[in-house]
Amino acid sequence: MLLRRILTGSAIALSLAALGGFLFLRSIGLFSSDPVFQTQNGAIDGYDTVAYFTQSEAVRGAPDITHDFGGATWHFSSDEHRKLFAASPEQYLPRYGGYCAYAISQNYTAHSDPESWNIEDGKLYLNFDPKVADQWKAERSKLIPAANQNWPDVLGTP
């Protein structure tokens, strides 16, 4: 009887710990099912996706210059950038919904840091942090095919 209570209590505690762990990992971008990485600031944390291409830098978008696309609100630093995006979003969208490209290549999702980026063959790749971005750049010839194969199945949606 005592052993059954201990085992039942242990099973409940383990289940709660697993749930808590899952919710934590989801909060940092793992096990996510949203097709676009977004925070309360919008897609890719409110950064202007067009600026990576036109200014070669990460630029925060303005809260009042937006365009809704792909289930997310995208922010831009100028109305010109908003118009460029609206006319041709596929040209400016980050690969893999803006999630960390390295994580996608390893078959999971992780949030990205908009300051950790690179453009390869006209495509924008975001990564978790500068260290991961350096690893991505060094190994991109093998990581890009792996990420392409994993995306979008890694979201859990075909």
N, C-alpha and C. Protein backbone atom coordinates (compact mmCIF):
# COMPACT_ATOMS: atom_id res chain seq x y z
N MET A 1 0.82 -1.19 0.00
CA MET A 1 0.00 0.00 0.00
C MET A 1 0.87 1.26 0.00
N LEU A 2 1.86 1.30 0.87
CA LEU A 2 2.77 2.44 0.94
C LEU A 2 3.57 2.55 -0.36
N LEU A 3 4.01 1.42 -0.87
CA LEU A 3 4.77 1.41 -2.11
C LEU A 3 3.93 1.94 -3.27
N ARG A 4 2.65 1.58 -3.32
CA ARG A 4 1.76 2.07 -4.37
C ARG A 4 1.60 3.58 -4.29
N ARG A 5 1.46 4.14 -3.08
CA ARG A 5 1.33 5.60 -2.91
C ARG A 5 2.60 6.30 -3.35
N ILE A 6 3.74 5.72 -3.01
CA ILE A 6 5.02 6.32 -3.41
C ILE A 6 5.14 6.31 -4.93
N LEU A 7 4.82 5.19 -5.54
CA LEU A 7 4.91 5.09 -7.00
C LEU A 7 3.92 6.02 -7.69
N THR A 8 2.71 6.12 -7.16
CA THR A 8 1.71 7.02 -7.74
C THR A 8 2.16 8.47 -7.59
N GLY A 9 2.64 8.83 -6.42
CA GLY A 9 3.14 10.18 -6.19
C GLY A 9 4.32 10.49 -7.09
N SER A 10 5.21 9.53 -7.26
CA SER A 10 6.37 9.72 -8.14
C SER A 10 5.94 9.90 -9.58
N ALA A 11 4.96 9.12 -10.02
CA ALA A 11 4.47 9.23 -11.39
C ALA A 11 3.84 10.60 -11.64
N ILE A 12 3.09 11.09 -10.67
CA ILE A 12 2.47 12.41 -10.81
C ILE A 12 3.55 13.49 -10.85
N ALA A 13 4.53 13.41 -9.96
CA ALA A 13 5.61 14.40 -9.93
C ALA A 13 6.40 14.38 -11.24
N LEU A 14 6.69 13.20 -11.74
CA LEU A 14 7.42 13.07 -13.00
C LEU A 14 6.61 13.65 -14.15
N SER A 15 5.31 13.41 -14.18
CA SER A 15 4.46 13.95 -15.23
C SER A 15 4.43 15.47 -15.19
N LEU A 16 4.32 16.04 -14.00
CA LEU A 16 4.32 17.49 -13.86
C LEU A 16 5.66 18.09 -14.27
N ALA A 17 6.75 17.43 -13.91
CA ALA A 17 8.08 17.90 -14.30
C ALA A 17 8.23 17.86 -15.82
N ALA A 18 7.76 16.79 -16.45
CA ALA A 18 7.84 16.68 -17.91
C ALA A 18 7.01 17.77 -18.59
N LEU A 19 5.82 18.02 -18.08
CA LEU A 19 4.97 19.07 -18.63
C LEU A 19 5.64 20.43 -18.47
N GLY A 20 6.18 20.68 -17.29
CA GLY A 20 6.88 21.95 -17.05
C GLY A 20 8.06 22.12 -17.99
N GLY A 21 8.81 21.04 -18.19
CA GLY A 21 9.95 21.09 -19.10
C GLY A 21 9.51 21.37 -20.53
N PHE A 22 8.45 20.70 -20.97
CA PHE A 22 7.93 20.93 -22.31
C PHE A 22 7.50 22.38 -22.47
N LEU A 23 6.77 22.91 -21.50
CA LEU A 23 6.31 24.30 -21.60
C LEU A 23 7.48 25.27 -21.61
N PHE A 24 8.52 25.00 -20.83
CA PHE A 24 9.70 25.85 -20.86
C PHE A 24 10.36 25.79 -22.24
N LEU A 25 10.58 24.59 -22.76
CA LEU A 25 11.24 24.46 -24.06
C LEU A 25 10.40 25.11 -25.16
N ARG A 26 9.09 24.98 -25.08
CA ARG A 26 8.23 25.65 -26.07
C ARG A 26 8.35 27.15 -25.95
N SER A 27 8.50 27.69 -24.73
CA SER A 27 8.59 29.13 -24.54
C SER A 27 9.86 29.71 -25.15
N ILE A 28 10.92 28.90 -25.31
CA ILE A 28 12.13 29.40 -25.94
C ILE A 28 12.21 29.02 -27.42
N GLY A 29 11.15 28.44 -27.95
CA GLY A 29 11.09 28.18 -29.38
C GLY A 29 11.25 26.73 -29.77
N LEU A 30 11.48 25.84 -28.83
CA LEU A 30 11.56 24.43 -29.16
C LEU A 30 10.16 23.85 -29.19
N PHE A 31 9.95 22.84 -29.99
CA PHE A 31 8.66 22.17 -30.13
C PHE A 31 7.57 23.15 -30.53
N SER A 32 7.90 24.08 -31.35
CA SER A 32 6.94 25.07 -31.77
C SER A 32 6.22 24.62 -33.03
N SER A 33 4.99 25.02 -33.19
CA SER A 33 4.27 24.65 -34.40
C SER A 33 3.88 25.87 -35.22
N ASP A 34 4.25 27.06 -34.80
CA ASP A 34 3.96 28.26 -35.58
C ASP A 34 4.89 28.32 -36.78
N PRO A 35 4.38 28.62 -37.97
CA PRO A 35 5.23 28.62 -39.15
C PRO A 35 6.23 29.78 -39.20
N VAL A 36 6.01 30.80 -38.38
CA VAL A 36 6.91 31.95 -38.33
C VAL A 36 7.31 32.20 -36.89
N PHE A 37 8.62 32.38 -36.67
CA PHE A 37 9.08 32.73 -35.33
C PHE A 37 8.65 34.16 -35.04
N GLN A 38 7.90 34.32 -33.96
CA GLN A 38 7.46 35.66 -33.59
C GLN A 38 7.39 35.80 -32.08
N THR A 39 7.59 37.02 -31.64
CA THR A 39 7.48 37.38 -30.24
C THR A 39 6.35 38.40 -30.10
N GLN A 40 6.21 38.98 -28.95
CA GLN A 40 5.20 40.03 -28.77
C GLN A 40 5.52 41.24 -29.65
N ASN A 41 6.75 41.32 -30.17
CA ASN A 41 7.14 42.42 -31.05
C ASN A 41 6.83 42.12 -32.52
N GLY A 42 6.36 40.93 -32.81
CA GLY A 42 6.04 40.56 -34.18
C GLY A 42 7.01 39.53 -34.73
N ALA A 43 6.91 39.30 -36.04
CA ALA A 43 7.80 38.34 -36.71
C ALA A 43 9.25 38.76 -36.51
N ILE A 44 10.10 37.78 -36.36
CA ILE A 44 11.53 37.94 -36.08
C ILE A 44 11.80 39.08 -35.09
N ASP A 45 11.00 39.08 -34.04
CA ASP A 45 11.15 40.02 -32.92
C ASP A 45 11.04 41.49 -33.33
N GLY A 46 10.32 41.75 -34.41
CA GLY A 46 10.07 43.13 -34.83
C GLY A 46 11.16 43.75 -35.68
N TYR A 47 12.10 42.94 -36.16
CA TYR A 47 13.15 43.47 -37.03
C TYR A 47 12.66 43.56 -38.46
N ASP A 48 13.25 44.49 -39.21
CA ASP A 48 12.92 44.76 -40.60
C ASP A 48 13.65 43.76 -41.49
N THR A 49 12.93 42.79 -42.04
CA THR A 49 13.55 41.75 -42.86
C THR A 49 14.12 42.30 -44.17
N VAL A 50 13.58 43.38 -44.67
CA VAL A 50 14.09 43.98 -45.91
C VAL A 50 15.44 44.65 -45.67
N ALA A 51 15.66 45.21 -44.50
CA ALA A 51 16.90 45.93 -44.21
C ALA A 51 18.13 45.03 -44.31
N TYR A 52 18.00 43.76 -44.02
CA TYR A 52 19.14 42.86 -44.16
C TYR A 52 19.67 42.89 -45.59
N PHE A 53 18.76 43.01 -46.55
CA PHE A 53 19.12 42.99 -47.96
C PHE A 53 19.52 44.37 -48.48
N THR A 54 18.83 45.41 -48.04
CA THR A 54 19.07 46.75 -48.59
C THR A 54 20.13 47.53 -47.83
N GLN A 55 20.32 47.24 -46.55
CA GLN A 55 21.27 47.98 -45.73
C GLN A 55 22.39 47.10 -45.17
N SER A 56 22.28 45.81 -45.39
CA SER A 56 23.27 44.84 -44.88
C SER A 56 23.46 44.95 -43.38
N GLU A 57 22.35 45.17 -42.68
CA GLU A 57 22.41 45.21 -41.22
C GLU A 57 21.04 44.88 -40.63
N ALA A 58 21.08 44.49 -39.36
CA ALA A 58 19.85 44.21 -38.62
C ALA A 58 19.29 45.54 -38.11
N VAL A 59 18.06 45.85 -38.52
CA VAL A 59 17.43 47.12 -38.16
C VAL A 59 16.07 46.82 -37.55
N ARG A 60 15.81 47.38 -36.40
CA ARG A 60 14.51 47.19 -35.76
C ARG A 60 13.45 47.95 -36.55
N GLY A 61 12.30 47.30 -36.76
CA GLY A 61 11.19 47.93 -37.46
C GLY A 61 10.42 48.86 -36.53
N ALA A 62 9.67 49.74 -37.15
CA ALA A 62 8.84 50.69 -36.39
C ALA A 62 7.52 50.00 -36.02
N PRO A 63 6.99 50.30 -34.84
CA PRO A 63 5.74 49.64 -34.42
C PRO A 63 4.54 49.98 -35.29
N ASP A 64 4.59 51.09 -36.03
CA ASP A 64 3.44 51.51 -36.82
C ASP A 64 3.60 51.28 -38.32
N ILE A 65 4.70 50.65 -38.74
CA ILE A 65 4.89 50.34 -40.15
C ILE A 65 4.93 48.82 -40.27
N THR A 66 3.77 48.24 -40.58
CA THR A 66 3.64 46.78 -40.54
C THR A 66 2.95 46.24 -41.79
N HIS A 67 3.09 44.94 -41.95
CA HIS A 67 2.39 44.21 -43.00
C HIS A 67 2.13 42.81 -42.47
N ASP A 68 0.90 42.34 -42.57
CA ASP A 68 0.56 40.98 -42.14
C ASP A 68 0.77 40.02 -43.29
N PHE A 69 1.51 38.96 -43.01
CA PHE A 69 1.78 37.94 -44.02
C PHE A 69 2.13 36.63 -43.33
N GLY A 70 1.58 35.55 -43.82
CA GLY A 70 1.93 34.22 -43.31
C GLY A 70 1.56 34.00 -41.86
N GLY A 71 0.52 34.66 -41.40
CA GLY A 71 0.09 34.49 -40.02
C GLY A 71 0.90 35.29 -39.01
N ALA A 72 1.69 36.24 -39.49
CA ALA A 72 2.53 37.05 -38.60
C ALA A 72 2.48 38.51 -39.01
N THR A 73 2.80 39.37 -38.07
CA THR A 73 2.91 40.79 -38.35
C THR A 73 4.39 41.13 -38.49
N TRP A 74 4.75 41.66 -39.64
CA TRP A 74 6.13 42.03 -39.96
C TRP A 74 6.27 43.54 -39.79
N HIS A 75 7.36 43.97 -39.18
CA HIS A 75 7.61 45.39 -38.94
C HIS A 75 8.73 45.87 -39.86
N PHE A 76 8.66 47.14 -40.23
CA PHE A 76 9.63 47.72 -41.16
C PHE A 76 10.09 49.07 -40.66
N SER A 77 11.31 49.44 -41.05
CA SER A 77 11.87 50.71 -40.61
C SER A 77 11.43 51.87 -41.51
N SER A 78 10.85 51.55 -42.65
CA SER A 78 10.36 52.60 -43.54
C SER A 78 9.18 52.07 -44.35
N ASP A 79 8.39 53.00 -44.85
CA ASP A 79 7.27 52.60 -45.69
C ASP A 79 7.77 51.99 -47.00
N GLU A 80 8.91 52.46 -47.48
CA GLU A 80 9.51 51.89 -48.69
C GLU A 80 9.81 50.40 -48.49
N HIS A 81 10.36 50.04 -47.33
CA HIS A 81 10.65 48.63 -47.04
C HIS A 81 9.35 47.81 -46.94
N ARG A 82 8.33 48.39 -46.34
CA ARG A 82 7.04 47.70 -46.25
C ARG A 82 6.49 47.42 -47.64
N LYS A 83 6.58 48.40 -48.53
CA LYS A 83 6.08 48.22 -49.90
C LYS A 83 6.88 47.17 -50.66
N LEU A 84 8.21 47.16 -50.48
CA LEU A 84 9.04 46.14 -51.14
C LEU A 84 8.63 44.74 -50.68
N PHE A 85 8.44 44.59 -49.37
CA PHE A 85 8.03 43.29 -48.82
C PHE A 85 6.66 42.88 -49.33
N ALA A 86 5.71 43.80 -49.29
CA ALA A 86 4.34 43.49 -49.72
C ALA A 86 4.30 43.06 -51.19
N ALA A 87 5.17 43.64 -52.01
CA ALA A 87 5.20 43.32 -53.44
C ALA A 87 5.84 41.96 -53.72
N SER A 88 6.77 41.54 -52.84
CA SER A 88 7.50 40.30 -53.08
C SER A 88 8.00 39.69 -51.78
N PRO A 89 7.09 39.21 -50.94
CA PRO A 89 7.53 38.72 -49.62
C PRO A 89 8.54 37.57 -49.70
N GLU A 90 8.39 36.67 -50.67
CA GLU A 90 9.30 35.52 -50.76
C GLU A 90 10.75 35.96 -50.94
N GLN A 91 10.96 37.11 -51.53
CA GLN A 91 12.31 37.62 -51.75
C GLN A 91 12.99 38.00 -50.43
N TYR A 92 12.20 38.39 -49.43
CA TYR A 92 12.75 38.94 -48.19
C TYR A 92 12.54 38.06 -46.95
N LEU A 93 11.69 37.06 -47.06
CA LEU A 93 11.41 36.22 -45.90
C LEU A 93 12.67 35.49 -45.44
N PRO A 94 12.90 35.40 -44.14
CA PRO A 94 14.00 34.56 -43.67
C PRO A 94 13.66 33.10 -43.90
N ARG A 95 14.66 32.31 -44.15
CA ARG A 95 14.45 30.87 -44.34
C ARG A 95 13.94 30.26 -43.04
N TYR A 96 13.18 29.21 -43.16
CA TYR A 96 12.69 28.41 -42.04
C TYR A 96 11.86 29.24 -41.05
N GLY A 97 11.07 30.15 -41.59
CA GLY A 97 10.17 30.93 -40.76
C GLY A 97 10.86 31.85 -39.78
N GLY A 98 12.15 32.06 -39.95
CA GLY A 98 12.89 32.91 -39.03
C GLY A 98 13.38 32.19 -37.78
N TYR A 99 13.13 30.88 -37.69
CA TYR A 99 13.69 30.10 -36.58
C TYR A 99 15.19 29.94 -36.82
N CYS A 100 15.90 29.53 -35.81
CA CYS A 100 17.34 29.30 -35.92
C CYS A 100 17.61 28.26 -37.01
N ALA A 101 18.36 28.66 -38.03
CA ALA A 101 18.64 27.78 -39.16
C ALA A 101 19.44 26.56 -38.72
N TYR A 102 20.39 26.76 -37.80
CA TYR A 102 21.17 25.62 -37.32
C TYR A 102 20.25 24.60 -36.62
N ALA A 103 19.36 25.07 -35.79
CA ALA A 103 18.44 24.17 -35.08
C ALA A 103 17.60 23.38 -36.08
N ILE A 104 17.11 24.03 -37.11
CA ILE A 104 16.30 23.34 -38.12
C ILE A 104 17.15 22.24 -38.77
N SER A 105 18.43 22.52 -39.01
CA SER A 105 19.29 21.50 -39.63
C SER A 105 19.49 20.29 -38.71
N GLN A 106 19.27 20.49 -37.41
CA GLN A 106 19.39 19.40 -36.44
C GLN A 106 18.03 18.79 -36.10
N ASN A 107 16.99 19.24 -36.82
CA ASN A 107 15.64 18.69 -36.72
C ASN A 107 14.88 19.12 -35.46
N TYR A 108 15.08 20.35 -35.03
CA TYR A 108 14.26 20.94 -33.96
C TYR A 108 14.17 22.44 -34.21
N THR A 109 13.29 23.11 -33.49
CA THR A 109 13.19 24.57 -33.62
C THR A 109 13.79 25.23 -32.40
N ALA A 110 14.32 26.42 -32.61
CA ALA A 110 14.81 27.28 -31.53
C ALA A 110 14.62 28.71 -31.99
N HIS A 111 14.42 29.59 -31.04
CA HIS A 111 14.24 30.99 -31.43
C HIS A 111 15.53 31.52 -32.06
N SER A 112 15.42 32.62 -32.74
CA SER A 112 16.58 33.22 -33.37
C SER A 112 16.83 34.60 -32.78
N ASP A 113 18.06 35.02 -32.91
CA ASP A 113 18.48 36.38 -32.53
C ASP A 113 18.62 37.16 -33.83
N PRO A 114 17.79 38.16 -34.06
CA PRO A 114 17.85 38.89 -35.33
C PRO A 114 19.21 39.54 -35.61
N GLU A 115 20.05 39.65 -34.59
CA GLU A 115 21.39 40.21 -34.78
C GLU A 115 22.38 39.14 -35.24
N SER A 116 21.97 37.87 -35.25
CA SER A 116 22.84 36.75 -35.65
C SER A 116 22.33 36.21 -36.98
N TRP A 117 22.83 36.75 -38.06
CA TRP A 117 22.27 36.49 -39.37
C TRP A 117 23.36 36.42 -40.43
N ASN A 118 23.00 35.86 -41.57
CA ASN A 118 23.81 35.98 -42.77
C ASN A 118 22.93 35.73 -43.99
N ILE A 119 23.39 36.24 -45.10
CA ILE A 119 22.70 36.02 -46.37
C ILE A 119 23.61 35.15 -47.21
N GLU A 120 23.03 34.07 -47.71
CA GLU A 120 23.75 33.11 -48.55
C GLU A 120 22.91 32.87 -49.80
N ASP A 121 23.48 33.11 -50.96
CA ASP A 121 22.76 32.90 -52.23
C ASP A 121 21.42 33.63 -52.25
N GLY A 122 21.40 34.85 -51.71
CA GLY A 122 20.20 35.67 -51.73
C GLY A 122 19.12 35.26 -50.75
N LYS A 123 19.47 34.40 -49.79
CA LYS A 123 18.51 33.95 -48.77
C LYS A 123 19.00 34.34 -47.38
N LEU A 124 18.07 34.80 -46.56
CA LEU A 124 18.38 35.25 -45.20
C LEU A 124 18.26 34.08 -44.23
N TYR A 125 19.31 33.86 -43.45
CA TYR A 125 19.34 32.83 -42.42
C TYR A 125 19.57 33.51 -41.07
N LEU A 126 18.72 33.19 -40.10
CA LEU A 126 18.87 33.70 -38.74
C LEU A 126 19.30 32.55 -37.85
N ASN A 127 20.04 32.88 -36.79
CA ASN A 127 20.51 31.85 -35.86
C ASN A 127 20.30 32.27 -34.42
N PHE A 128 20.48 31.32 -33.53
CA PHE A 128 20.21 31.46 -32.10
C PHE A 128 21.05 32.56 -31.44
N ASP A 129 22.34 32.60 -31.75
CA ASP A 129 23.25 33.59 -31.18
C ASP A 129 24.49 33.68 -32.07
N PRO A 130 25.41 34.61 -31.80
CA PRO A 130 26.59 34.76 -32.67
C PRO A 130 27.45 33.49 -32.77
N LYS A 131 27.59 32.74 -31.69
CA LYS A 131 28.39 31.52 -31.73
C LYS A 131 27.78 30.49 -32.67
N VAL A 132 26.47 30.31 -32.57
CA VAL A 132 25.77 29.37 -33.46
C VAL A 132 25.83 29.88 -34.90
N ALA A 133 25.72 31.18 -35.10
CA ALA A 133 25.81 31.76 -36.45
C ALA A 133 27.17 31.47 -37.07
N ASP A 134 28.24 31.56 -36.27
CA ASP A 134 29.58 31.25 -36.77
C ASP A 134 29.67 29.77 -37.17
N GLN A 135 29.11 28.90 -36.36
CA GLN A 135 29.10 27.47 -36.67
C GLN A 135 28.30 27.22 -37.95
N TRP A 136 27.15 27.89 -38.07
CA TRP A 136 26.32 27.76 -39.27
C TRP A 136 27.12 28.17 -40.51
N LYS A 137 27.77 29.32 -40.44
CA LYS A 137 28.53 29.82 -41.59
C LYS A 137 29.64 28.84 -41.97
N ALA A 138 30.33 28.29 -40.97
CA ALA A 138 31.44 27.38 -41.24
C ALA A 138 30.98 26.07 -41.87
N GLU A 139 29.79 25.63 -41.53
CA GLU A 139 29.30 24.32 -41.98
C GLU A 139 28.09 24.41 -42.91
N ARG A 140 27.81 25.60 -43.42
CA ARG A 140 26.56 25.81 -44.16
C ARG A 140 26.40 24.91 -45.38
N SER A 141 27.49 24.50 -46.00
CA SER A 141 27.34 23.67 -47.20
C SER A 141 26.67 22.33 -46.89
N LYS A 142 26.85 21.81 -45.69
CA LYS A 142 26.16 20.56 -45.32
C LYS A 142 24.90 20.83 -44.50
N LEU A 143 24.84 21.97 -43.78
CA LEU A 143 23.69 22.26 -42.94
C LEU A 143 22.48 22.75 -43.73
N ILE A 144 22.70 23.49 -44.79
CA ILE A 144 21.57 23.99 -45.58
C ILE A 144 20.77 22.84 -46.18
N PRO A 145 21.40 21.84 -46.82
CA PRO A 145 20.59 20.71 -47.32
C PRO A 145 19.84 19.98 -46.20
N ALA A 146 20.47 19.83 -45.05
CA ALA A 146 19.79 19.16 -43.93
C ALA A 146 18.60 19.98 -43.46
N ALA A 147 18.78 21.28 -43.34
CA ALA A 147 17.68 22.14 -42.90
C ALA A 147 16.55 22.14 -43.93
N ASN A 148 16.91 22.21 -45.21
CA ASN A 148 15.88 22.16 -46.27
C ASN A 148 15.07 20.87 -46.20
N GLN A 149 15.74 19.77 -45.90
CA GLN A 149 15.05 18.49 -45.80
C GLN A 149 14.14 18.45 -44.57
N ASN A 150 14.57 19.03 -43.47
CA ASN A 150 13.79 18.99 -42.22
C ASN A 150 12.61 19.95 -42.21
N TRP A 151 12.70 21.04 -42.95
CA TRP A 151 11.67 22.07 -42.96
C TRP A 151 10.61 21.70 -43.98
N PRO A 152 9.33 21.80 -43.77
CA PRO A 152 8.65 22.26 -42.56
C PRO A 152 8.23 21.13 -41.62
N ASP A 153 8.64 19.89 -41.92
CA ASP A 153 8.22 18.77 -41.09
C ASP A 153 8.62 18.93 -39.63
N VAL A 154 9.69 19.67 -39.36
CA VAL A 154 10.13 19.88 -37.99
C VAL A 154 9.08 20.57 -37.13
N LEU A 155 8.16 21.27 -37.77
CA LEU A 155 7.07 21.95 -37.05
C LEU A 155 6.00 20.97 -36.59
N GLY A 156 6.05 19.77 -37.14
CA GLY A 156 5.01 18.79 -36.79
C GLY A 156 3.81 18.91 -37.71
N THR A 157 3.96 19.69 -38.77
CA THR A 157 2.89 19.82 -39.76
C THR A 157 3.49 19.54 -41.13
N PRO A 158 2.88 18.71 -41.93
CA PRO A 158 3.43 18.39 -43.26
C PRO A 158 3.34 19.56 -44.21
